């Protein structure tokens, strides 16, 4: 939702920190929306 981007990133940081503790974790990559191409965070 609009206006919640910073909160979303902070939530993703908590998720990434938890993932890093699991066996076999390699990477967690975030892509912002690109106007005219896709509206989702990926």
ModelCIF file with pLDDT and N, C-alpha, C, O atoms, coordinates in Angstrom:
data_MODEL
#
_entry.id   MODEL 
#
_entity.id                         1 
_entity.type                       polymer 
_entity.pdbx_number_of_molecules   1 
#
_entity_poly.entity_id                      1 
_entity_poly.type                           'polypeptide(L)' 
_entity_poly.nstd_linkage                   no 
_entity_poly.nstd_monomer                   no 
_entity_poly.pdbx_seq_one_letter_code       
;(UNK)(UNK)(UNK)(UNK)(UNK)(UNK)(UNK)(UNK)(UNK)(UNK)(UNK)(UNK)(UNK)(UNK)(UNK)(UNK)
(UNK)(UNK)(UNK)(UNK)(UNK)(UNK)(UNK)(UNK)(UNK)(UNK)(UNK)(UNK)(UNK)(UNK)(UNK)(UNK)
(UNK)(UNK)(UNK)(UNK)(UNK)(UNK)(UNK)(UNK)(UNK)(UNK)
;
_entity_poly.pdbx_seq_one_letter_code_can   XXXXXXXXXXXXXXXXXXXXXXXXXXXXXXXXXXXXXXXXXX 
_entity_poly.pdbx_strand_id                 A 
#
loop_
_entity_poly_seq.entity_id 
_entity_poly_seq.num 
_entity_poly_seq.mon_id 
_entity_poly_seq.hetero 
1 1  UNK n 
1 2  UNK n 
1 3  UNK n 
1 4  UNK n 
1 5  UNK n 
1 6  UNK n 
1 7  UNK n 
1 8  UNK n 
1 9  UNK n 
1 10 UNK n 
1 11 UNK n 
1 12 UNK n 
1 13 UNK n 
1 14 UNK n 
1 15 UNK n 
1 16 UNK n 
1 17 UNK n 
1 18 UNK n 
1 19 UNK n 
1 20 UNK n 
1 21 UNK n 
1 22 UNK n 
1 23 UNK n 
1 24 UNK n 
1 25 UNK n 
1 26 UNK n 
1 27 UNK n 
1 28 UNK n 
1 29 UNK n 
1 30 UNK n 
1 31 UNK n 
1 32 UNK n 
1 33 UNK n 
1 34 UNK n 
1 35 UNK n 
1 36 UNK n 
1 37 UNK n 
1 38 UNK n 
1 39 UNK n 
1 40 UNK n 
1 41 UNK n 
1 42 UNK n 
#
_struct_asym.id          A 
_struct_asym.entity_id   1 
#
loop_
_ma_qa_metric.id 
_ma_qa_metric.mode 
_ma_qa_metric.name 
_ma_qa_metric.software_group_id 
_ma_qa_metric.type 
1 global pLDDT . pLDDT 
2 local  pLDDT . pLDDT 
#
_ma_qa_metric_global.metric_id      1 
_ma_qa_metric_global.metric_value   85.00 
_ma_qa_metric_global.model_id       1 
_ma_qa_metric_global.ordinal_id     1 
#
loop_
_ma_qa_metric_local.label_asym_id 
_ma_qa_metric_local.label_comp_id 
_ma_qa_metric_local.label_seq_id 
_ma_qa_metric_local.metric_id 
_ma_qa_metric_local.metric_value 
_ma_qa_metric_local.model_id 
_ma_qa_metric_local.ordinal_id 
A UNK 1  2 89.00 1 1  
A UNK 2  2 88.00 1 2  
A UNK 3  2 91.00 1 3  
A UNK 4  2 92.00 1 4  
A UNK 5  2 91.00 1 5  
A UNK 6  2 91.00 1 6  
A UNK 7  2 93.00 1 7  
A UNK 8  2 93.00 1 8  
A UNK 9  2 91.00 1 9  
A UNK 10 2 92.00 1 10 
A UNK 11 2 94.00 1 11 
A UNK 12 2 92.00 1 12 
A UNK 13 2 90.00 1 13 
A UNK 14 2 92.00 1 14 
A UNK 15 2 93.00 1 15 
A UNK 16 2 90.00 1 16 
A UNK 17 2 91.00 1 17 
A UNK 18 2 92.00 1 18 
A UNK 19 2 92.00 1 19 
A UNK 20 2 89.00 1 20 
A UNK 21 2 90.00 1 21 
A UNK 22 2 91.00 1 22 
A UNK 23 2 90.00 1 23 
A UNK 24 2 88.00 1 24 
A UNK 25 2 89.00 1 25 
A UNK 26 2 84.00 1 26 
A UNK 27 2 82.00 1 27 
A UNK 28 2 86.00 1 28 
A UNK 29 2 82.00 1 29 
A UNK 30 2 82.00 1 30 
A UNK 31 2 79.00 1 31 
A UNK 32 2 81.00 1 32 
A UNK 33 2 80.00 1 33 
A UNK 34 2 68.00 1 34 
A UNK 35 2 67.00 1 35 
A UNK 36 2 56.00 1 36 
A UNK 37 2 57.00 1 37 
A UNK 38 2 64.00 1 38 
A UNK 39 2 77.00 1 39 
A UNK 40 2 81.00 1 40 
A UNK 41 2 86.00 1 41 
A UNK 42 2 84.00 1 42 
#
loop_
_atom_site.group_PDB 
_atom_site.id 
_atom_site.type_symbol 
_atom_site.label_atom_id 
_atom_site.label_alt_id 
_atom_site.label_comp_id 
_atom_site.label_asym_id 
_atom_site.label_entity_id 
_atom_site.label_seq_id 
_atom_site.pdbx_PDB_ins_code 
_atom_site.Cartn_x 
_atom_site.Cartn_y 
_atom_site.Cartn_z 
_atom_site.occupancy 
_atom_site.B_iso_or_equiv 
_atom_site.pdbx_formal_charge 
_atom_site.auth_seq_id 
_atom_site.auth_comp_id 
_atom_site.auth_asym_id 
_atom_site.auth_atom_id 
_atom_site.pdbx_PDB_model_num 
ATOM 1   N N  . UNK A 1 1  ? 0.823  -1.215  0.000   1.00 89.00 ? 1  UNK A N  1 
ATOM 2   C CA . UNK A 1 1  ? 0.000  0.000   0.000   1.00 89.00 ? 1  UNK A CA 1 
ATOM 3   C C  . UNK A 1 1  ? 0.857  1.265   0.000   1.00 89.00 ? 1  UNK A C  1 
ATOM 4   O O  . UNK A 1 1  ? 1.943  1.287   0.579   1.00 89.00 ? 1  UNK A O  1 
ATOM 5   N N  . UNK A 1 2  ? 0.370  2.300   -0.642  1.00 88.00 ? 2  UNK A N  1 
ATOM 6   C CA . UNK A 1 2  ? 1.074  3.577   -0.680  1.00 88.00 ? 2  UNK A CA 1 
ATOM 7   C C  . UNK A 1 2  ? 1.328  4.083   0.732   1.00 88.00 ? 2  UNK A C  1 
ATOM 8   O O  . UNK A 1 2  ? 0.455  4.019   1.598   1.00 88.00 ? 2  UNK A O  1 
ATOM 9   N N  . UNK A 1 3  ? 2.536  4.588   0.950   1.00 91.00 ? 3  UNK A N  1 
ATOM 10  C CA . UNK A 1 3  ? 2.894  5.149   2.239   1.00 91.00 ? 3  UNK A CA 1 
ATOM 11  C C  . UNK A 1 3  ? 3.478  4.155   3.211   1.00 91.00 ? 3  UNK A C  1 
ATOM 12  O O  . UNK A 1 3  ? 3.944  4.537   4.285   1.00 91.00 ? 3  UNK A O  1 
ATOM 13  N N  . UNK A 1 4  ? 3.461  2.869   2.850   1.00 92.00 ? 4  UNK A N  1 
ATOM 14  C CA . UNK A 1 4  ? 3.981  1.845   3.757   1.00 92.00 ? 4  UNK A CA 1 
ATOM 15  C C  . UNK A 1 4  ? 5.291  1.242   3.249   1.00 92.00 ? 4  UNK A C  1 
ATOM 16  O O  . UNK A 1 4  ? 5.713  0.187   3.723   1.00 92.00 ? 4  UNK A O  1 
ATOM 17  N N  . UNK A 1 5  ? 5.930  1.903   2.297   1.00 91.00 ? 5  UNK A N  1 
ATOM 18  C CA . UNK A 1 5  ? 7.138  1.340   1.700   1.00 91.00 ? 5  UNK A CA 1 
ATOM 19  C C  . UNK A 1 5  ? 8.258  1.153   2.725   1.00 91.00 ? 5  UNK A C  1 
ATOM 20  O O  . UNK A 1 5  ? 8.905  0.106   2.750   1.00 91.00 ? 5  UNK A O  1 
ATOM 21  N N  . UNK A 1 6  ? 8.489  2.156   3.565   1.00 91.00 ? 6  UNK A N  1 
ATOM 22  C CA . UNK A 1 6  ? 9.560  2.051   4.557   1.00 91.00 ? 6  UNK A CA 1 
ATOM 23  C C  . UNK A 1 6  ? 9.269  0.944   5.567   1.00 91.00 ? 6  UNK A C  1 
ATOM 24  O O  . UNK A 1 6  ? 10.170 0.204   5.961   1.00 91.00 ? 6  UNK A O  1 
ATOM 25  N N  . UNK A 1 7  ? 8.019  0.836   5.979   1.00 93.00 ? 7  UNK A N  1 
ATOM 26  C CA . UNK A 1 7  ? 7.644  -0.228  6.910   1.00 93.00 ? 7  UNK A CA 1 
ATOM 27  C C  . UNK A 1 7  ? 7.829  -1.595  6.263   1.00 93.00 ? 7  UNK A C  1 
ATOM 28  O O  . UNK A 1 7  ? 8.251  -2.545  6.921   1.00 93.00 ? 7  UNK A O  1 
ATOM 29  N N  . UNK A 1 8  ? 7.513  -1.695  4.975   1.00 93.00 ? 8  UNK A N  1 
ATOM 30  C CA . UNK A 1 8  ? 7.701  -2.959  4.253   1.00 93.00 ? 8  UNK A CA 1 
ATOM 31  C C  . UNK A 1 8  ? 9.172  -3.347  4.216   1.00 93.00 ? 8  UNK A C  1 
ATOM 32  O O  . UNK A 1 8  ? 9.510  -4.511  4.431   1.00 93.00 ? 8  UNK A O  1 
ATOM 33  N N  . UNK A 1 9  ? 10.051 -2.385  3.944   1.00 91.00 ? 9  UNK A N  1 
ATOM 34  C CA . UNK A 1 9  ? 11.486 -2.677  3.888   1.00 91.00 ? 9  UNK A CA 1 
ATOM 35  C C  . UNK A 1 9  ? 12.021 -3.111  5.250   1.00 91.00 ? 9  UNK A C  1 
ATOM 36  O O  . UNK A 1 9  ? 12.848 -4.019  5.330   1.00 91.00 ? 9  UNK A O  1 
ATOM 37  N N  . UNK A 1 10 ? 11.558 -2.475  6.312   1.00 92.00 ? 10 UNK A N  1 
ATOM 38  C CA . UNK A 1 10 ? 12.001 -2.867  7.649   1.00 92.00 ? 10 UNK A CA 1 
ATOM 39  C C  . UNK A 1 10 ? 11.528 -4.287  7.972   1.00 92.00 ? 10 UNK A C  1 
ATOM 40  O O  . UNK A 1 10 ? 12.250 -5.063  8.598   1.00 92.00 ? 10 UNK A O  1 
ATOM 41  N N  . UNK A 1 11 ? 10.313 -4.614  7.542   1.00 94.00 ? 11 UNK A N  1 
ATOM 42  C CA . UNK A 1 11 ? 9.800  -5.970  7.745   1.00 94.00 ? 11 UNK A CA 1 
ATOM 43  C C  . UNK A 1 11 ? 10.635 -6.980  6.954   1.00 94.00 ? 11 UNK A C  1 
ATOM 44  O O  . UNK A 1 11 ? 10.947 -8.057  7.461   1.00 94.00 ? 11 UNK A O  1 
ATOM 45  N N  . UNK A 1 12 ? 10.995 -6.639  5.723   1.00 92.00 ? 12 UNK A N  1 
ATOM 46  C CA . UNK A 1 12 ? 11.818 -7.522  4.911   1.00 92.00 ? 12 UNK A CA 1 
ATOM 47  C C  . UNK A 1 12 ? 13.206 -7.707  5.523   1.00 92.00 ? 12 UNK A C  1 
ATOM 48  O O  . UNK A 1 12 ? 13.795 -8.782  5.410   1.00 92.00 ? 12 UNK A O  1 
ATOM 49  N N  . UNK A 1 13 ? 13.728 -6.669  6.166   1.00 90.00 ? 13 UNK A N  1 
ATOM 50  C CA . UNK A 1 13 ? 15.024 -6.800  6.833   1.00 90.00 ? 13 UNK A CA 1 
ATOM 51  C C  . UNK A 1 13 ? 14.954 -7.822  7.961   1.00 90.00 ? 13 UNK A C  1 
ATOM 52  O O  . UNK A 1 13 ? 15.897 -8.588  8.156   1.00 90.00 ? 13 UNK A O  1 
ATOM 53  N N  . UNK A 1 14 ? 13.848 -7.845  8.709   1.00 92.00 ? 14 UNK A N  1 
ATOM 54  C CA . UNK A 1 14 ? 13.686 -8.839  9.767   1.00 92.00 ? 14 UNK A CA 1 
ATOM 55  C C  . UNK A 1 14 ? 13.590 -10.238 9.171   1.00 92.00 ? 14 UNK A C  1 
ATOM 56  O O  . UNK A 1 14 ? 14.141 -11.195 9.714   1.00 92.00 ? 14 UNK A O  1 
ATOM 57  N N  . UNK A 1 15 ? 12.890 -10.344 8.053   1.00 93.00 ? 15 UNK A N  1 
ATOM 58  C CA . UNK A 1 15 ? 12.773 -11.648 7.392   1.00 93.00 ? 15 UNK A CA 1 
ATOM 59  C C  . UNK A 1 15 ? 14.130 -12.116 6.896   1.00 93.00 ? 15 UNK A C  1 
ATOM 60  O O  . UNK A 1 15 ? 14.491 -13.279 7.077   1.00 93.00 ? 15 UNK A O  1 
ATOM 61  N N  . UNK A 1 16 ? 14.887 -11.216 6.270   1.00 90.00 ? 16 UNK A N  1 
ATOM 62  C CA . UNK A 1 16 ? 16.196 -11.599 5.746   1.00 90.00 ? 16 UNK A CA 1 
ATOM 63  C C  . UNK A 1 16 ? 17.133 -12.043 6.874   1.00 90.00 ? 16 UNK A C  1 
ATOM 64  O O  . UNK A 1 16 ? 17.887 -13.002 6.710   1.00 90.00 ? 16 UNK A O  1 
ATOM 65  N N  . UNK A 1 17 ? 17.089 -11.360 8.000   1.00 91.00 ? 17 UNK A N  1 
ATOM 66  C CA . UNK A 1 17 ? 17.938 -11.741 9.127   1.00 91.00 ? 17 UNK A CA 1 
ATOM 67  C C  . UNK A 1 17 ? 17.590 -13.148 9.606   1.00 91.00 ? 17 UNK A C  1 
ATOM 68  O O  . UNK A 1 17 ? 18.477 -13.919 9.972   1.00 91.00 ? 17 UNK A O  1 
ATOM 69  N N  . UNK A 1 18 ? 16.294 -13.482 9.604   1.00 92.00 ? 18 UNK A N  1 
ATOM 70  C CA . UNK A 1 18 ? 15.879 -14.819 10.022  1.00 92.00 ? 18 UNK A CA 1 
ATOM 71  C C  . UNK A 1 18 ? 16.292 -15.863 8.989   1.00 92.00 ? 18 UNK A C  1 
ATOM 72  O O  . UNK A 1 18 ? 16.751 -16.946 9.354   1.00 92.00 ? 18 UNK A O  1 
ATOM 73  N N  . UNK A 1 19 ? 16.136 -15.553 7.720   1.00 92.00 ? 19 UNK A N  1 
ATOM 74  C CA . UNK A 1 19 ? 16.517 -16.489 6.659   1.00 92.00 ? 19 UNK A CA 1 
ATOM 75  C C  . UNK A 1 19 ? 17.997 -16.847 6.737   1.00 92.00 ? 19 UNK A C  1 
ATOM 76  O O  . UNK A 1 19 ? 18.387 -17.996 6.529   1.00 92.00 ? 19 UNK A O  1 
ATOM 77  N N  . UNK A 1 20 ? 18.809 -15.841 7.040   1.00 89.00 ? 20 UNK A N  1 
ATOM 78  C CA . UNK A 1 20 ? 20.258 -16.042 7.051   1.00 89.00 ? 20 UNK A CA 1 
ATOM 79  C C  . UNK A 1 20 ? 20.698 -17.069 8.090   1.00 89.00 ? 20 UNK A C  1 
ATOM 80  O O  . UNK A 1 20 ? 21.804 -17.604 8.009   1.00 89.00 ? 20 UNK A O  1 
ATOM 81  N N  . UNK A 1 21 ? 19.832 -17.344 9.068   1.00 90.00 ? 21 UNK A N  1 
ATOM 82  C CA . UNK A 1 21 ? 20.164 -18.321 10.100  1.00 90.00 ? 21 UNK A CA 1 
ATOM 83  C C  . UNK A 1 21 ? 19.828 -19.749 9.669   1.00 90.00 ? 21 UNK A C  1 
ATOM 84  O O  . UNK A 1 21 ? 20.176 -20.708 10.358  1.00 90.00 ? 21 UNK A O  1 
ATOM 85  N N  . UNK A 1 22 ? 19.147 -19.887 8.520   1.00 91.00 ? 22 UNK A N  1 
ATOM 86  C CA . UNK A 1 22 ? 18.733 -21.212 8.076   1.00 91.00 ? 22 UNK A CA 1 
ATOM 87  C C  . UNK A 1 22 ? 19.778 -21.817 7.147   1.00 91.00 ? 22 UNK A C  1 
ATOM 88  O O  . UNK A 1 22 ? 20.423 -21.116 6.367   1.00 91.00 ? 22 UNK A O  1 
ATOM 89  N N  . UNK A 1 23 ? 19.928 -23.123 7.248   1.00 90.00 ? 23 UNK A N  1 
ATOM 90  C CA . UNK A 1 23 ? 20.904 -23.850 6.429   1.00 90.00 ? 23 UNK A CA 1 
ATOM 91  C C  . UNK A 1 23 ? 20.610 -23.647 4.936   1.00 90.00 ? 23 UNK A C  1 
ATOM 92  O O  . UNK A 1 23 ? 19.467 -23.743 4.490   1.00 90.00 ? 23 UNK A O  1 
ATOM 93  N N  . UNK A 1 24 ? 21.679 -23.365 4.184   1.00 88.00 ? 24 UNK A N  1 
ATOM 94  C CA . UNK A 1 24 ? 21.563 -23.284 2.737   1.00 88.00 ? 24 UNK A CA 1 
ATOM 95  C C  . UNK A 1 24 ? 21.140 -21.939 2.181   1.00 88.00 ? 24 UNK A C  1 
ATOM 96  O O  . UNK A 1 24 ? 21.025 -21.790 0.964   1.00 88.00 ? 24 UNK A O  1 
ATOM 97  N N  . UNK A 1 25 ? 20.900 -20.939 3.053   1.00 89.00 ? 25 UNK A N  1 
ATOM 98  C CA . UNK A 1 25 ? 20.492 -19.621 2.557   1.00 89.00 ? 25 UNK A CA 1 
ATOM 99  C C  . UNK A 1 25 ? 21.601 -19.009 1.701   1.00 89.00 ? 25 UNK A C  1 
ATOM 100 O O  . UNK A 1 25 ? 22.774 -19.036 2.075   1.00 89.00 ? 25 UNK A O  1 
ATOM 101 N N  . UNK A 1 26 ? 21.214 -18.458 0.548   1.00 84.00 ? 26 UNK A N  1 
ATOM 102 C CA . UNK A 1 26 ? 22.180 -17.823 -0.340  1.00 84.00 ? 26 UNK A CA 1 
ATOM 103 C C  . UNK A 1 26 ? 21.955 -16.329 -0.481  1.00 84.00 ? 26 UNK A C  1 
ATOM 104 O O  . UNK A 1 26 ? 22.892 -15.546 -0.324  1.00 84.00 ? 26 UNK A O  1 
ATOM 105 N N  . UNK A 1 27 ? 20.719 -15.919 -0.776  1.00 82.00 ? 27 UNK A N  1 
ATOM 106 C CA . UNK A 1 27 ? 20.501 -14.498 -1.035  1.00 82.00 ? 27 UNK A CA 1 
ATOM 107 C C  . UNK A 1 27 ? 19.021 -14.153 -0.957  1.00 82.00 ? 27 UNK A C  1 
ATOM 108 O O  . UNK A 1 27 ? 18.141 -14.992 -1.149  1.00 82.00 ? 27 UNK A O  1 
ATOM 109 N N  . UNK A 1 28 ? 18.796 -12.893 -0.671  1.00 86.00 ? 28 UNK A N  1 
ATOM 110 C CA . UNK A 1 28 ? 17.452 -12.314 -0.584  1.00 86.00 ? 28 UNK A CA 1 
ATOM 111 C C  . UNK A 1 28 ? 17.528 -10.984 -1.321  1.00 86.00 ? 28 UNK A C  1 
ATOM 112 O O  . UNK A 1 28 ? 18.147 -10.039 -0.832  1.00 86.00 ? 28 UNK A O  1 
ATOM 113 N N  . UNK A 1 29 ? 16.923 -10.905 -2.459  1.00 82.00 ? 29 UNK A N  1 
ATOM 114 C CA . UNK A 1 29 ? 17.041 -9.736  -3.327  1.00 82.00 ? 29 UNK A CA 1 
ATOM 115 C C  . UNK A 1 29 ? 15.695 -9.058  -3.472  1.00 82.00 ? 29 UNK A C  1 
ATOM 116 O O  . UNK A 1 29 ? 14.704 -9.716  -3.790  1.00 82.00 ? 29 UNK A O  1 
ATOM 117 N N  . UNK A 1 30 ? 15.641 -7.751  -3.245  1.00 82.00 ? 30 UNK A N  1 
ATOM 118 C CA . UNK A 1 30 ? 14.399 -6.986  -3.355  1.00 82.00 ? 30 UNK A CA 1 
ATOM 119 C C  . UNK A 1 30 ? 14.454 -6.095  -4.593  1.00 82.00 ? 30 UNK A C  1 
ATOM 120 O O  . UNK A 1 30 ? 15.445 -5.403  -4.826  1.00 82.00 ? 30 UNK A O  1 
ATOM 121 N N  . UNK A 1 31 ? 13.388 -6.118  -5.379  1.00 79.00 ? 31 UNK A N  1 
ATOM 122 C CA . UNK A 1 31 ? 13.231 -5.208  -6.510  1.00 79.00 ? 31 UNK A CA 1 
ATOM 123 C C  . UNK A 1 31 ? 12.013 -4.324  -6.279  1.00 79.00 ? 31 UNK A C  1 
ATOM 124 O O  . UNK A 1 31 ? 10.911 -4.821  -6.049  1.00 79.00 ? 31 UNK A O  1 
ATOM 125 N N  . UNK A 1 32 ? 12.218 -3.012  -6.341  1.00 81.00 ? 32 UNK A N  1 
ATOM 126 C CA . UNK A 1 32 ? 11.112 -2.073  -6.219  1.00 81.00 ? 32 UNK A CA 1 
ATOM 127 C C  . UNK A 1 32 ? 10.240 -2.106  -7.482  1.00 81.00 ? 32 UNK A C  1 
ATOM 128 O O  . UNK A 1 32 ? 10.680 -2.583  -8.528  1.00 81.00 ? 32 UNK A O  1 
ATOM 129 N N  . UNK A 1 33 ? 9.011  -1.602  -7.383  1.00 80.00 ? 33 UNK A N  1 
ATOM 130 C CA . UNK A 1 33 ? 8.192  -1.448  -8.595  1.00 80.00 ? 33 UNK A CA 1 
ATOM 131 C C  . UNK A 1 33 ? 8.879  -0.521  -9.595  1.00 80.00 ? 33 UNK A C  1 
ATOM 132 O O  . UNK A 1 33 ? 9.576  0.420   -9.215  1.00 80.00 ? 33 UNK A O  1 
ATOM 133 N N  . UNK A 1 34 ? 8.668  -0.804  -10.871 1.00 68.00 ? 34 UNK A N  1 
ATOM 134 C CA . UNK A 1 34 ? 9.202  0.042   -11.937 1.00 68.00 ? 34 UNK A CA 1 
ATOM 135 C C  . UNK A 1 34 ? 8.012  0.567   -12.725 1.00 68.00 ? 34 UNK A C  1 
ATOM 136 O O  . UNK A 1 34 ? 7.352  -0.215  -13.410 1.00 68.00 ? 34 UNK A O  1 
ATOM 137 N N  . UNK A 1 35 ? 7.708  1.871   -12.656 1.00 67.00 ? 35 UNK A N  1 
ATOM 138 C CA . UNK A 1 35 ? 6.530  2.416   -13.333 1.00 67.00 ? 35 UNK A CA 1 
ATOM 139 C C  . UNK A 1 35 ? 6.515  2.048   -14.814 1.00 67.00 ? 35 UNK A C  1 
ATOM 140 O O  . UNK A 1 35 ? 7.515  2.184   -15.520 1.00 67.00 ? 35 UNK A O  1 
ATOM 141 N N  . UNK A 1 36 ? 5.369  1.584   -15.257 1.00 56.00 ? 36 UNK A N  1 
ATOM 142 C CA . UNK A 1 36 ? 5.209  1.203   -16.647 1.00 56.00 ? 36 UNK A CA 1 
ATOM 143 C C  . UNK A 1 36 ? 5.612  -0.216  -16.959 1.00 56.00 ? 36 UNK A C  1 
ATOM 144 O O  . UNK A 1 36 ? 5.324  -0.714  -18.048 1.00 56.00 ? 36 UNK A O  1 
ATOM 145 N N  . UNK A 1 37 ? 6.286  -0.897  -16.006 1.00 57.00 ? 37 UNK A N  1 
ATOM 146 C CA . UNK A 1 37 ? 6.709  -2.273  -16.235 1.00 57.00 ? 37 UNK A CA 1 
ATOM 147 C C  . UNK A 1 37 ? 6.001  -3.231  -15.277 1.00 57.00 ? 37 UNK A C  1 
ATOM 148 O O  . UNK A 1 37 ? 5.369  -4.193  -15.713 1.00 57.00 ? 37 UNK A O  1 
ATOM 149 N N  . UNK A 1 38 ? 6.106  -2.969  -13.969 1.00 64.00 ? 38 UNK A N  1 
ATOM 150 C CA . UNK A 1 38 ? 5.395  -3.803  -13.006 1.00 64.00 ? 38 UNK A CA 1 
ATOM 151 C C  . UNK A 1 38 ? 5.137  -2.997  -11.757 1.00 64.00 ? 38 UNK A C  1 
ATOM 152 O O  . UNK A 1 38 ? 5.935  -2.140  -11.377 1.00 64.00 ? 38 UNK A O  1 
ATOM 153 N N  . UNK A 1 39 ? 4.001  -3.283  -11.111 1.00 77.00 ? 39 UNK A N  1 
ATOM 154 C CA . UNK A 1 39 ? 3.577  -2.525  -9.939  1.00 77.00 ? 39 UNK A CA 1 
ATOM 155 C C  . UNK A 1 39 ? 3.968  -3.198  -8.631  1.00 77.00 ? 39 UNK A C  1 
ATOM 156 O O  . UNK A 1 39 ? 3.900  -2.571  -7.574  1.00 77.00 ? 39 UNK A O  1 
ATOM 157 N N  . UNK A 1 40 ? 4.375  -4.455  -8.681  1.00 81.00 ? 40 UNK A N  1 
ATOM 158 C CA . UNK A 1 40 ? 4.657  -5.207  -7.466  1.00 81.00 ? 40 UNK A CA 1 
ATOM 159 C C  . UNK A 1 40 ? 6.088  -4.988  -6.971  1.00 81.00 ? 40 UNK A C  1 
ATOM 160 O O  . UNK A 1 40 ? 6.982  -4.665  -7.752  1.00 81.00 ? 40 UNK A O  1 
ATOM 161 N N  . UNK A 1 41 ? 6.288  -5.166  -5.676  1.00 86.00 ? 41 UNK A N  1 
ATOM 162 C CA . UNK A 1 41 ? 7.613  -5.371  -5.102  1.00 86.00 ? 41 UNK A CA 1 
ATOM 163 C C  . UNK A 1 41 ? 7.932  -6.844  -5.283  1.00 86.00 ? 41 UNK A C  1 
ATOM 164 O O  . UNK A 1 41 ? 7.082  -7.694  -5.016  1.00 86.00 ? 41 UNK A O  1 
ATOM 165 N N  . UNK A 1 42 ? 9.134  -7.163  -5.727  1.00 84.00 ? 42 UNK A N  1 
ATOM 166 C CA . UNK A 1 42 ? 9.501  -8.546  -6.026  1.00 84.00 ? 42 UNK A CA 1 
ATOM 167 C C  . UNK A 1 42 ? 10.709 -8.943  -5.180  1.00 84.00 ? 42 UNK A C  1 
ATOM 168 O O  . UNK A 1 42 ? 11.185 -10.074 -5.276  1.00 84.00 ? 42 UNK A O  1 
#
